[in-house]
């Protein structure tokens, strides 16, 4: 089991990592800025669900297999990049529809939740990051390593939930401002499209 000092140290480190600019927090900010606070929260829960899969993968050693297989890593990375490009296309299309309909197109909270899951699961770098980061706080003398990894993963998700909720509320304030006019909606959708395309290129290369 984790000792209180190890758990606290890991939680603080996770908070700092969560605040640092990265694909996940940018994704949450973008969705909440376009569709409002609740959209950011729905996306956050999707991302956290994806983190559950990565935590389990590390605990079971699957991430180590992905790290050793160049083909598996490339396939997952390519799938993730293509999915982000698809989201970029949807965002640009939504901006075009906003001009014609004088209103934004909201995909629904369930769709945003699924997008968060797919974005995280198709990013093998998260498993590799967990594989490098989580074991640093494990000690076989404290019991089963797999259980410690799962506990650390839960703490990481708790810190992520805290940081991303704040990001959702900040993005929601932008949504109130930009969604007051059709032109503002177009700008936000196009900005989201650029962000998604940039994340796709960063993931792929």
C-alpha atoms as a PDB file:
ATOM      1  CA  UNK A   1       0.000   0.000   0.000  1.00  0.00           C
ATOM      2  CA  UNK A   2       1.020   3.624  -0.469  1.00  0.00           C
ATOM      3  CA  UNK A   3       2.297   5.551   2.529  1.00  0.00           C
ATOM      4  CA  UNK A   4       0.738   9.002   3.209  1.00  0.00           C
ATOM      5  CA  UNK A   5       3.941  10.865   2.320  1.00  0.00           C
ATOM      6  CA  UNK A   6       4.332   9.011  -0.994  1.00  0.00           C
ATOM      7  CA  UNK A   7       0.667   9.576  -1.837  1.00  0.00           C
ATOM      8  CA  UNK A   8       0.915  13.301  -1.043  1.00  0.00           C
ATOM      9  CA  UNK A   9       4.134  13.740  -3.026  1.00  0.00           C
ATOM     10  CA  UNK A  10       2.637  11.947  -6.021  1.00  0.00           C
ATOM     11  CA  UNK A  11      -0.601  13.954  -5.829  1.00  0.00           C
ATOM     12  CA  UNK A  12       1.264  17.284  -5.806  1.00  0.00           C
ATOM     13  CA  UNK A  13       3.436  16.160  -8.729  1.00  0.00           C
ATOM     14  CA  UNK A  14       0.300  15.094 -10.621  1.00  0.00           C
ATOM     15  CA  UNK A  15      -1.312  18.495 -10.015  1.00  0.00           C
ATOM     16  CA  UNK A  16       1.730  20.230 -11.474  1.00  0.00           C
ATOM     17  CA  UNK A  17       1.685  17.914 -14.493  1.00  0.00           C
ATOM     18  CA  UNK A  18      -2.037  18.545 -14.951  1.00  0.00           C
ATOM     19  CA  UNK A  19      -1.570  22.321 -15.020  1.00  0.00           C
ATOM     20  CA  UNK A  20       1.238  22.094 -17.579  1.00  0.00           C
ATOM     21  CA  UNK A  21       0.002  22.725 -21.147  1.00  0.00           C
ATOM     22  CA  UNK A  22      -0.736  19.440 -22.894  1.00  0.00           C
ATOM     23  CA  UNK A  23      -3.179  17.839 -25.356  1.00  0.00           C
ATOM     24  CA  UNK A  24      -5.731  16.834 -22.703  1.00  0.00           C
ATOM     25  CA  UNK A  25      -6.143  20.196 -20.969  1.00  0.00           C
ATOM     26  CA  UNK A  26      -6.156  21.977 -24.346  1.00  0.00           C
ATOM     27  CA  UNK A  27      -8.875  19.562 -25.474  1.00  0.00           C
ATOM     28  CA  UNK A  28     -10.978  20.354 -22.381  1.00  0.00           C
ATOM     29  CA  UNK A  29     -10.467  24.096 -22.755  1.00  0.00           C
ATOM     30  CA  UNK A  30     -11.434  23.951 -26.426  1.00  0.00           C
ATOM     31  CA  UNK A  31     -14.633  21.979 -25.864  1.00  0.00           C
ATOM     32  CA  UNK A  32     -15.778  24.135 -22.933  1.00  0.00           C
ATOM     33  CA  UNK A  33     -14.918  27.328 -24.838  1.00  0.00           C
ATOM     34  CA  UNK A  34     -17.022  26.201 -27.793  1.00  0.00           C
ATOM     35  CA  UNK A  35     -19.944  24.491 -26.025  1.00  0.00           C
ATOM     36  CA  UNK A  36     -19.857  25.672 -22.397  1.00  0.00           C
ATOM     37  CA  UNK A  37     -18.833  24.430 -18.943  1.00  0.00           C
ATOM     38  CA  UNK A  38     -20.831  21.190 -19.002  1.00  0.00           C
ATOM     39  CA  UNK A  39     -19.240  20.216 -22.311  1.00  0.00           C
ATOM     40  CA  UNK A  40     -15.800  20.548 -20.730  1.00  0.00           C
ATOM     41  CA  UNK A  41     -16.911  18.437 -17.779  1.00  0.00           C
ATOM     42  CA  UNK A  42     -18.322  15.717 -20.077  1.00  0.00           C
ATOM     43  CA  UNK A  43     -15.045  15.705 -22.015  1.00  0.00           C
ATOM     44  CA  UNK A  44     -13.108  15.494 -18.738  1.00  0.00           C
ATOM     45  CA  UNK A  45     -14.978  12.363 -17.662  1.00  0.00           C
ATOM     46  CA  UNK A  46     -14.274  10.831 -21.071  1.00  0.00           C
ATOM     47  CA  UNK A  47     -10.567  11.546 -20.717  1.00  0.00           C
ATOM     48  CA  UNK A  48     -10.578  10.084 -17.196  1.00  0.00           C
ATOM     49  CA  UNK A  49     -12.220   6.919 -18.495  1.00  0.00           C
ATOM     50  CA  UNK A  50      -9.397   6.655 -21.002  1.00  0.00           C
ATOM     51  CA  UNK A  51      -6.896   7.083 -18.159  1.00  0.00           C
ATOM     52  CA  UNK A  52      -8.509   4.099 -16.413  1.00  0.00           C
ATOM     53  CA  UNK A  53      -7.603   1.983 -19.439  1.00  0.00           C
ATOM     54  CA  UNK A  54      -4.012   3.252 -19.450  1.00  0.00           C
ATOM     55  CA  UNK A  55      -3.636   2.630 -15.709  1.00  0.00           C
ATOM     56  CA  UNK A  56      -4.897  -0.928 -16.115  1.00  0.00           C
ATOM     57  CA  UNK A  57      -2.570  -1.410 -19.099  1.00  0.00           C
ATOM     58  CA  UNK A  58       0.467  -0.374 -17.071  1.00  0.00           C
ATOM     59  CA  UNK A  59      -0.593  -2.508 -14.102  1.00  0.00           C
ATOM     60  CA  UNK A  60      -0.924  -5.555 -16.360  1.00  0.00           C
ATOM     61  CA  UNK A  61       2.258  -4.851 -18.309  1.00  0.00           C
ATOM     62  CA  UNK A  62       0.486  -4.216 -21.614  1.00  0.00           C
ATOM     63  CA  UNK A  63       2.182  -0.827 -21.967  1.00  0.00           C
ATOM     64  CA  UNK A  64       5.575  -2.545 -21.875  1.00  0.00           C
ATOM     65  CA  UNK A  65       4.466  -4.735 -24.772  1.00  0.00           C
ATOM     66  CA  UNK A  66       3.392  -1.651 -26.769  1.00  0.00           C
ATOM     67  CA  UNK A  67       6.726  -0.030 -26.016  1.00  0.00           C
ATOM     68  CA  UNK A  68       8.584  -3.049 -27.440  1.00  0.00           C
ATOM     69  CA  UNK A  69       6.358  -3.302 -30.530  1.00  0.00           C
ATOM     70  CA  UNK A  70       7.021  -0.526 -33.028  1.00  0.00           C
ATOM     71  CA  UNK A  71       4.063  -1.677 -35.124  1.00  0.00           C
ATOM     72  CA  UNK A  72       1.563  -1.541 -32.248  1.00  0.00           C
ATOM     73  CA  UNK A  73       2.826   1.893 -31.226  1.00  0.00           C
ATOM     74  CA  UNK A  74       2.607   3.232 -34.800  1.00  0.00           C
ATOM     75  CA  UNK A  75      -0.887   1.841 -35.369  1.00  0.00           C
ATOM     76  CA  UNK A  76      -2.242   3.417 -32.178  1.00  0.00           C
ATOM     77  CA  UNK A  77      -0.473   6.708 -32.851  1.00  0.00           C
ATOM     78  CA  UNK A  78      -1.789   6.893 -36.411  1.00  0.00           C
ATOM     79  CA  UNK A  79      -5.331   6.072 -35.285  1.00  0.00           C
ATOM     80  CA  UNK A  80      -5.179   8.842 -32.696  1.00  0.00           C
ATOM     81  CA  UNK A  81      -3.852  11.392 -35.177  1.00  0.00           C
ATOM     82  CA  UNK A  82      -6.531  10.499 -37.757  1.00  0.00           C
ATOM     83  CA  UNK A  83      -9.246  10.830 -35.106  1.00  0.00           C
ATOM     84  CA  UNK A  84      -8.000  14.300 -34.156  1.00  0.00           C
ATOM     85  CA  UNK A  85      -8.000  15.309 -37.818  1.00  0.00           C
ATOM     86  CA  UNK A  86     -11.596  14.086 -38.016  1.00  0.00           C
ATOM     87  CA  UNK A  87     -12.467  16.313 -35.032  1.00  0.00           C
ATOM     88  CA  UNK A  88     -10.724  19.223 -36.768  1.00  0.00           C
ATOM     89  CA  UNK A  89     -12.903  18.663 -39.856  1.00  0.00           C
ATOM     90  CA  UNK A  90     -16.038  18.565 -37.669  1.00  0.00           C
ATOM     91  CA  UNK A  91     -15.039  21.846 -36.040  1.00  0.00           C
ATOM     92  CA  UNK A  92     -14.446  23.650 -39.346  1.00  0.00           C
ATOM     93  CA  UNK A  93     -17.740  22.259 -40.649  1.00  0.00           C
ATOM     94  CA  UNK A  94     -19.554  23.444 -37.511  1.00  0.00           C
ATOM     95  CA  UNK A  95     -18.185  26.932 -38.094  1.00  0.00           C
ATOM     96  CA  UNK A  96     -19.545  26.873 -41.646  1.00  0.00           C
ATOM     97  CA  UNK A  97     -22.951  25.677 -40.407  1.00  0.00           C
ATOM     98  CA  UNK A  98     -22.987  28.420 -37.781  1.00  0.00           C
ATOM     99  CA  UNK A  99     -22.800  30.995 -40.556  1.00  0.00           C
ATOM    100  CA  UNK A 100     -25.698  29.428 -42.446  1.00  0.00           C
ATOM    101  CA  UNK A 101     -27.930  28.662 -39.463  1.00  0.00           C
ATOM    102  CA  UNK A 102     -26.875  31.615 -37.312  1.00  0.00           C
ATOM    103  CA  UNK A 103     -26.226  29.205 -34.453  1.00  0.00           C
ATOM    104  CA  UNK A 104     -23.708  26.647 -33.222  1.00  0.00           C
ATOM    105  CA  UNK A 105     -24.089  22.901 -33.554  1.00  0.00           C
ATOM    106  CA  UNK A 106     -23.828  21.062 -30.236  1.00  0.00           C
ATOM    107  CA  UNK A 107     -22.912  17.369 -30.652  1.00  0.00           C
ATOM    108  CA  UNK A 108     -24.291  16.282 -27.267  1.00  0.00           C
ATOM    109  CA  UNK A 109     -22.637  15.375 -23.974  1.00  0.00           C
ATOM    110  CA  UNK A 110     -22.511  11.646 -24.772  1.00  0.00           C
ATOM    111  CA  UNK A 111     -20.570  12.391 -27.965  1.00  0.00           C
ATOM    112  CA  UNK A 112     -18.106  14.623 -26.106  1.00  0.00           C
ATOM    113  CA  UNK A 113     -17.662  11.912 -23.473  1.00  0.00           C
ATOM    114  CA  UNK A 114     -16.865   9.352 -26.176  1.00  0.00           C
ATOM    115  CA  UNK A 115     -14.467  11.769 -27.860  1.00  0.00           C
ATOM    116  CA  UNK A 116     -12.540  12.086 -24.608  1.00  0.00           C
ATOM    117  CA  UNK A 117     -12.282   8.300 -24.299  1.00  0.00           C
ATOM    118  CA  UNK A 118     -11.130   7.778 -27.888  1.00  0.00           C
ATOM    119  CA  UNK A 119      -8.618  10.618 -27.730  1.00  0.00           C
ATOM    120  CA  UNK A 120      -6.924   9.172 -24.650  1.00  0.00           C
ATOM    121  CA  UNK A 121      -7.046   5.497 -25.570  1.00  0.00           C
ATOM    122  CA  UNK A 122      -5.559   6.138 -29.021  1.00  0.00           C
ATOM    123  CA  UNK A 123      -2.609   8.033 -27.542  1.00  0.00           C
ATOM    124  CA  UNK A 124       0.008   5.381 -26.670  1.00  0.00           C
ATOM    125  CA  UNK A 125       2.286   8.063 -25.248  1.00  0.00           C
ATOM    126  CA  UNK A 126       0.055   8.210 -22.174  1.00  0.00           C
ATOM    127  CA  UNK A 127       0.678   4.523 -21.423  1.00  0.00           C
ATOM    128  CA  UNK A 128       4.397   5.057 -21.939  1.00  0.00           C
ATOM    129  CA  UNK A 129       4.298   8.096 -19.661  1.00  0.00           C
ATOM    130  CA  UNK A 130       2.470   6.093 -16.997  1.00  0.00           C
ATOM    131  CA  UNK A 131       4.957   3.258 -17.462  1.00  0.00           C
ATOM    132  CA  UNK A 132       7.823   5.670 -16.751  1.00  0.00           C
ATOM    133  CA  UNK A 133       6.127   7.817 -14.079  1.00  0.00           C
ATOM    134  CA  UNK A 134       3.997   5.570 -11.861  1.00  0.00           C
ATOM    135  CA  UNK A 135       6.629   2.917 -10.994  1.00  0.00           C
ATOM    136  CA  UNK A 136       8.892   5.644  -9.585  1.00  0.00           C
ATOM    137  CA  UNK A 137       6.517   5.818  -6.605  1.00  0.00           C
ATOM    138  CA  UNK A 138       6.150   2.049  -6.155  1.00  0.00           C
ATOM    139  CA  UNK A 139       8.040  -0.117  -3.699  1.00  0.00           C
ATOM    140  CA  UNK A 140       7.723  -3.939  -3.730  1.00  0.00           C
ATOM    141  CA  UNK A 141       8.322  -3.966   0.027  1.00  0.00           C
ATOM    142  CA  UNK A 142       4.962  -2.211   0.521  1.00  0.00           C
ATOM    143  CA  UNK A 143       2.968  -4.982  -1.158  1.00  0.00           C
ATOM    144  CA  UNK A 144       1.717  -5.789  -4.642  1.00  0.00           C
ATOM    145  CA  UNK A 145       3.084  -3.432  -7.290  1.00  0.00           C
ATOM    146  CA  UNK A 146      -0.041  -3.774  -9.456  1.00  0.00           C
ATOM    147  CA  UNK A 147      -2.215  -2.542  -6.575  1.00  0.00           C
ATOM    148  CA  UNK A 148       0.147   0.384  -5.995  1.00  0.00           C
ATOM    149  CA  UNK A 149      -0.009   1.289  -9.692  1.00  0.00           C
ATOM    150  CA  UNK A 150      -3.810   1.246  -9.594  1.00  0.00           C
ATOM    151  CA  UNK A 151      -3.780   3.445  -6.457  1.00  0.00           C
ATOM    152  CA  UNK A 152      -1.398   5.913  -8.081  1.00  0.00           C
ATOM    153  CA  UNK A 153      -3.555   5.945 -11.199  1.00  0.00           C
ATOM    154  CA  UNK A 154      -6.589   6.801  -9.072  1.00  0.00           C
ATOM    155  CA  UNK A 155      -4.698   9.672  -7.419  1.00  0.00           C
ATOM    156  CA  UNK A 156      -3.560  10.927 -10.828  1.00  0.00           C
ATOM    157  CA  UNK A 157      -7.158  10.906 -12.069  1.00  0.00           C
ATOM    158  CA  UNK A 158      -8.302  12.772  -8.942  1.00  0.00           C
ATOM    159  CA  UNK A 159      -5.743  15.516  -9.550  1.00  0.00           C
ATOM    160  CA  UNK A 160      -6.705  15.606 -13.241  1.00  0.00           C
ATOM    161  CA  UNK A 161     -10.380  15.935 -12.322  1.00  0.00           C
ATOM    162  CA  UNK A 162      -9.593  18.940 -10.114  1.00  0.00           C
ATOM    163  CA  UNK A 163      -7.454  20.728 -12.723  1.00  0.00           C
ATOM    164  CA  UNK A 164      -9.755  19.995 -15.670  1.00  0.00           C
ATOM    165  CA  UNK A 165     -12.860  21.164 -13.793  1.00  0.00           C
ATOM    166  CA  UNK A 166     -11.150  24.528 -13.326  1.00  0.00           C
ATOM    167  CA  UNK A 167     -10.204  24.524 -17.029  1.00  0.00           C
ATOM    168  CA  UNK A 168     -13.840  23.770 -17.919  1.00  0.00           C
ATOM    169  CA  UNK A 169     -15.112  26.769 -15.959  1.00  0.00           C
ATOM    170  CA  UNK A 170     -12.479  29.049 -17.489  1.00  0.00           C
ATOM    171  CA  UNK A 171     -13.357  27.811 -20.970  1.00  0.00           C
ATOM    172  CA  UNK A 172     -17.056  28.237 -20.178  1.00  0.00           C
ATOM    173  CA  UNK A 173     -16.493  31.922 -19.571  1.00  0.00           C
ATOM    174  CA  UNK A 174     -15.051  32.177 -23.085  1.00  0.00           C
ATOM    175  CA  UNK A 175     -18.099  30.359 -24.443  1.00  0.00           C
ATOM    176  CA  UNK A 176     -20.465  32.949 -22.946  1.00  0.00           C
ATOM    177  CA  UNK A 177     -18.463  35.706 -24.582  1.00  0.00           C
ATOM    178  CA  UNK A 178     -17.928  34.206 -28.057  1.00  0.00           C
ATOM    179  CA  UNK A 179     -21.331  32.523 -28.420  1.00  0.00           C
ATOM    180  CA  UNK A 180     -23.097  35.860 -28.042  1.00  0.00           C
ATOM    181  CA  UNK A 181     -22.819  36.301 -31.832  1.00  0.00           C
ATOM    182  CA  UNK A 182     -22.653  33.984 -34.869  1.00  0.00           C
ATOM    183  CA  UNK A 183     -19.278  35.476 -35.792  1.00  0.00           C
ATOM    184  CA  UNK A 184     -17.942  34.609 -32.337  1.00  0.00           C
ATOM    185  CA  UNK A 185     -19.174  31.028 -32.776  1.00  0.00           C
ATOM    186  CA  UNK A 186     -17.416  30.759 -36.125  1.00  0.00           C
ATOM    187  CA  UNK A 187     -14.158  32.021 -34.622  1.00  0.00           C
ATOM    188  CA  UNK A 188     -14.334  29.502 -31.751  1.00  0.00           C
ATOM    189  CA  UNK A 189     -15.095  26.567 -34.056  1.00  0.00           C
ATOM    190  CA  UNK A 190     -12.270  27.509 -36.399  1.00  0.00           C
ATOM    191  CA  UNK A 191      -9.884  27.933 -33.467  1.00  0.00           C
ATOM    192  CA  UNK A 192     -10.926  24.496 -32.207  1.00  0.00           C
ATOM    193  CA  UNK A 193     -10.277  23.049 -35.672  1.00  0.00           C
ATOM    194  CA  UNK A 194      -6.780  24.532 -35.737  1.00  0.00           C
ATOM    195  CA  UNK A 195      -6.087  23.144 -32.241  1.00  0.00           C
ATOM    196  CA  UNK A 196      -7.241  19.639 -33.179  1.00  0.00           C
ATOM    197  CA  UNK A 197      -5.181  19.673 -36.376  1.00  0.00           C
ATOM    198  CA  UNK A 198      -2.145  20.858 -34.424  1.00  0.00           C
ATOM    199  CA  UNK A 199      -2.593  18.112 -31.820  1.00  0.00           C
ATOM    200  CA  UNK A 200      -2.880  15.533 -34.602  1.00  0.00           C
ATOM    201  CA  UNK A 201       0.389  16.658 -36.167  1.00  0.00           C
ATOM    202  CA  UNK A 202       2.112  16.740 -32.773  1.00  0.00           C
ATOM    203  CA  UNK A 203       0.926  13.199 -31.983  1.00  0.00           C
ATOM    204  CA  UNK A 204       1.879  11.800 -35.359  1.00  0.00           C
ATOM    205  CA  UNK A 205       5.324  13.411 -35.610  1.00  0.00           C
END
